Amino acid sequence: MNKKEKTYDAVKMMREIRDKISQETQNMTFEQLKAYINKKLTKNTTKLVGQK
């Protein structure tokens, strides 16, 4: 069986993103975390799943 060489590692990318978010939010209160999430969602132009 021939194994294709991966040019993109989605699992590695997801772990890096998760670690970055964890570092940015580790000492936040619940209110600060809500504000962080709202800021990120309003800044982002990508449509979320279920949005039209």
Protein backbone atom coordinates (compact mmCIF):
# COMPACT_ATOMS: atom_id res chain seq x y z
CA MET A 1 0.00 0.00 0.00
CA ASN A 2 1.32 3.43 -0.97
CA LYS A 3 1.15 6.01 1.76
CA LYS A 4 0.64 9.62 0.65
CA GLU A 5 2.91 12.24 2.15
CA LYS A 6 0.90 14.81 4.09
CA THR A 7 1.50 18.42 3.14
CA TYR A 8 -0.91 19.74 5.76
CA ASP A 9 -1.37 18.47 9.30
CA ALA A 10 -4.81 19.54 10.52
CA VAL A 11 -4.42 17.89 13.93
CA LYS A 12 -1.16 19.75 14.59
CA MET A 13 -2.74 23.04 13.50
CA MET A 14 -5.78 22.50 15.75
CA ARG A 15 -3.58 21.70 18.75
CA GLU A 16 -1.52 24.86 18.14
CA ILE A 17 -4.68 27.00 17.92
CA ARG A 18 -6.12 25.40 21.07
CA ASP A 19 -2.87 25.96 22.98
CA LYS A 20 -2.72 29.62 21.88
CA ILE A 21 -6.32 30.24 23.00
CA SER A 22 -5.67 28.45 26.30
CA GLN A 23 -2.65 30.68 26.99
CA GLU A 24 -4.59 33.84 26.10
CA THR A 25 -7.55 32.95 28.33
CA GLN A 26 -6.00 31.02 31.23
CA ASN A 27 -6.42 33.70 33.92
CA MET A 28 -9.66 35.26 32.70
CA THR A 29 -12.85 35.48 34.69
CA PHE A 30 -16.06 34.19 33.12
CA GLU A 31 -17.06 37.75 32.15
CA GLN A 32 -13.65 38.38 30.55
CA LEU A 33 -13.89 35.08 28.67
CA LYS A 34 -17.34 36.01 27.32
CA ALA A 35 -15.98 39.37 26.15
CA TYR A 36 -12.97 37.63 24.52
CA ILE A 37 -15.23 35.23 22.63
CA ASN A 38 -17.62 38.00 21.51
CA LYS A 39 -14.69 40.10 20.30
CA LYS A 40 -13.25 37.18 18.32
CA LEU A 41 -16.66 36.35 16.80
CA THR A 42 -17.41 39.93 15.73
CA LYS A 43 -13.89 40.39 14.33
CA ASN A 44 -14.12 37.20 12.27
CA THR A 45 -15.74 37.39 8.83
CA THR A 46 -16.02 33.62 8.45
CA LYS A 47 -19.58 32.32 8.73
CA LEU A 48 -20.18 29.86 11.52
CA VAL A 49 -21.91 26.55 10.95
CA GLY A 50 -25.63 27.19 10.51
CA GLN A 51 -25.23 30.88 9.63
CA LYS A 52 -26.43 32.21 6.29
